[in-house]
Amino acid sequence: MRVKCVICDKIDKIADDLPLAKRLRNRPIHTYMCDDCYDRIKLKTEERRQPKE
């Protein structure tokens, strides 16, 4: 299955039998993010949630 990242518009290919592929096919509200964008957002979120001293 071909999927497109909602942030960077990078096109990836994922296996049709993965749970993610089924979720994307059956529920159009779910979106796909590539690993690079996912990791970048994860790091930024963790930095933001750190208590400031």
N, C-alpha and C. Protein backbone atom coordinates (compact mmCIF):
# COMPACT_ATOMS: atom_id res chain seq x y z
N MET A 1 0.85 -1.17 0.00
CA MET A 1 0.00 0.00 0.00
C MET A 1 0.90 1.23 0.00
N ARG A 2 0.60 2.18 -0.85
CA ARG A 2 1.34 3.43 -0.89
C ARG A 2 0.67 4.43 0.03
N VAL A 3 1.48 5.09 0.86
CA VAL A 3 0.97 6.09 1.79
C VAL A 3 1.81 7.35 1.67
N LYS A 4 1.20 8.47 2.03
CA LYS A 4 1.87 9.76 1.93
C LYS A 4 1.86 10.43 3.29
N CYS A 5 3.02 10.92 3.70
CA CYS A 5 3.14 11.61 4.98
C CYS A 5 2.38 12.93 4.91
N VAL A 6 1.62 13.23 5.97
CA VAL A 6 0.80 14.44 5.96
C VAL A 6 1.63 15.69 6.21
N ILE A 7 2.85 15.55 6.70
CA ILE A 7 3.68 16.71 7.00
C ILE A 7 4.66 17.02 5.87
N CYS A 8 5.43 16.03 5.44
CA CYS A 8 6.49 16.30 4.45
C CYS A 8 6.14 15.81 3.04
N ASP A 9 5.00 15.18 2.85
CA ASP A 9 4.54 14.67 1.55
C ASP A 9 5.44 13.59 0.95
N LYS A 10 6.21 12.92 1.80
CA LYS A 10 7.05 11.81 1.35
C LYS A 10 6.16 10.59 1.14
N ILE A 11 6.37 9.88 0.05
CA ILE A 11 5.57 8.70 -0.25
C ILE A 11 6.34 7.46 0.16
N ASP A 12 5.70 6.62 0.98
CA ASP A 12 6.29 5.37 1.46
C ASP A 12 5.41 4.21 1.03
N LYS A 13 5.96 3.03 1.17
CA LYS A 13 5.20 1.81 0.86
C LYS A 13 5.18 0.96 2.12
N ILE A 14 3.97 0.54 2.54
CA ILE A 14 3.84 -0.34 3.70
C ILE A 14 3.10 -1.60 3.24
N ALA A 15 3.31 -2.66 3.98
CA ALA A 15 2.69 -3.94 3.65
C ALA A 15 1.17 -3.84 3.84
N ASP A 16 0.43 -4.50 2.94
CA ASP A 16 -1.03 -4.46 2.99
C ASP A 16 -1.61 -5.15 4.21
N ASP A 17 -0.87 -6.08 4.80
CA ASP A 17 -1.43 -6.86 5.91
C ASP A 17 -1.09 -6.27 7.29
N LEU A 18 -0.45 -5.12 7.34
CA LEU A 18 -0.16 -4.48 8.63
C LEU A 18 -1.43 -3.86 9.22
N PRO A 19 -1.53 -3.82 10.54
CA PRO A 19 -2.69 -3.18 11.17
C PRO A 19 -2.81 -1.70 10.79
N LEU A 20 -1.67 -1.03 10.60
CA LEU A 20 -1.69 0.38 10.19
C LEU A 20 -2.36 0.54 8.82
N ALA A 21 -2.05 -0.35 7.88
CA ALA A 21 -2.64 -0.27 6.55
C ALA A 21 -4.16 -0.47 6.62
N LYS A 22 -4.59 -1.40 7.44
CA LYS A 22 -6.03 -1.64 7.58
C LYS A 22 -6.71 -0.42 8.20
N ARG A 23 -6.08 0.18 9.20
CA ARG A 23 -6.64 1.36 9.85
C ARG A 23 -6.77 2.52 8.86
N LEU A 24 -5.75 2.70 8.03
CA LEU A 24 -5.79 3.79 7.04
C LEU A 24 -6.85 3.56 5.98
N ARG A 25 -7.05 2.31 5.59
CA ARG A 25 -8.06 2.00 4.58
C ARG A 25 -9.47 2.18 5.10
N ASN A 26 -9.72 1.73 6.32
CA ASN A 26 -11.09 1.68 6.84
C ASN A 26 -11.55 2.95 7.54
N ARG A 27 -10.62 3.75 8.00
CA ARG A 27 -10.99 4.98 8.71
C ARG A 27 -10.26 6.16 8.10
N PRO A 28 -10.91 6.93 7.25
CA PRO A 28 -10.22 8.01 6.55
C PRO A 28 -9.72 9.13 7.45
N ILE A 29 -10.18 9.21 8.68
CA ILE A 29 -9.72 10.27 9.58
C ILE A 29 -8.29 10.01 10.05
N HIS A 30 -7.85 8.75 10.07
CA HIS A 30 -6.49 8.41 10.48
C HIS A 30 -5.52 8.86 9.39
N THR A 31 -4.39 9.39 9.81
CA THR A 31 -3.39 9.88 8.86
C THR A 31 -2.06 9.17 9.09
N TYR A 32 -1.19 9.24 8.10
CA TYR A 32 0.11 8.58 8.15
C TYR A 32 1.21 9.62 8.30
N MET A 33 2.17 9.33 9.19
CA MET A 33 3.37 10.15 9.31
C MET A 33 4.58 9.25 9.12
N CYS A 34 5.55 9.72 8.34
CA CYS A 34 6.77 8.93 8.14
C CYS A 34 7.56 8.89 9.44
N ASP A 35 8.53 7.99 9.51
CA ASP A 35 9.31 7.81 10.74
C ASP A 35 10.08 9.07 11.12
N ASP A 36 10.63 9.77 10.11
CA ASP A 36 11.40 10.98 10.40
C ASP A 36 10.53 12.05 11.06
N CYS A 37 9.35 12.29 10.52
CA CYS A 37 8.45 13.30 11.09
C CYS A 37 7.95 12.86 12.46
N TYR A 38 7.65 11.59 12.61
CA TYR A 38 7.17 11.08 13.89
C TYR A 38 8.22 11.28 14.98
N ASP A 39 9.48 10.93 14.66
CA ASP A 39 10.56 11.10 15.64
C ASP A 39 10.81 12.56 15.98
N ARG A 40 10.75 13.42 14.96
CA ARG A 40 10.97 14.85 15.20
C ARG A 40 9.89 15.42 16.12
N ILE A 41 8.65 15.07 15.89
CA ILE A 41 7.56 15.55 16.73
C ILE A 41 7.67 14.98 18.14
N LYS A 42 8.07 13.73 18.24
CA LYS A 42 8.24 13.10 19.55
C LYS A 42 9.30 13.83 20.36
N LEU A 43 10.44 14.14 19.76
CA LEU A 43 11.51 14.85 20.46
C LEU A 43 11.07 16.25 20.89
N LYS A 44 10.41 16.97 20.00
CA LYS A 44 9.95 18.32 20.33
C LYS A 44 8.94 18.29 21.48
N THR A 45 8.07 17.30 21.48
CA THR A 45 7.07 17.18 22.53
C THR A 45 7.73 16.87 23.87
N GLU A 46 8.69 15.96 23.86
CA GLU A 46 9.39 15.62 25.10
C GLU A 46 10.16 16.83 25.64
N GLU A 47 10.78 17.62 24.75
CA GLU A 47 11.48 18.82 25.19
C GLU A 47 10.51 19.82 25.81
N ARG A 48 9.37 19.97 25.21
CA ARG A 48 8.38 20.93 25.69
C ARG A 48 7.82 20.52 27.05
N ARG A 49 7.69 19.23 27.28
CA ARG A 49 7.11 18.74 28.53
C ARG A 49 8.10 18.69 29.69
N GLN A 50 9.36 18.90 29.43
CA GLN A 50 10.36 18.90 30.49
C GLN A 50 10.09 20.09 31.42
N PRO A 51 10.10 19.84 32.72
CA PRO A 51 9.89 20.97 33.65
C PRO A 51 11.06 21.93 33.60
N LYS A 52 10.77 23.19 33.55
CA LYS A 52 11.82 24.20 33.52
C LYS A 52 12.28 24.50 34.93
N GLU A 53 13.57 24.56 35.10
CA GLU A 53 14.12 24.78 36.44
C GLU A 53 14.42 26.24 36.67
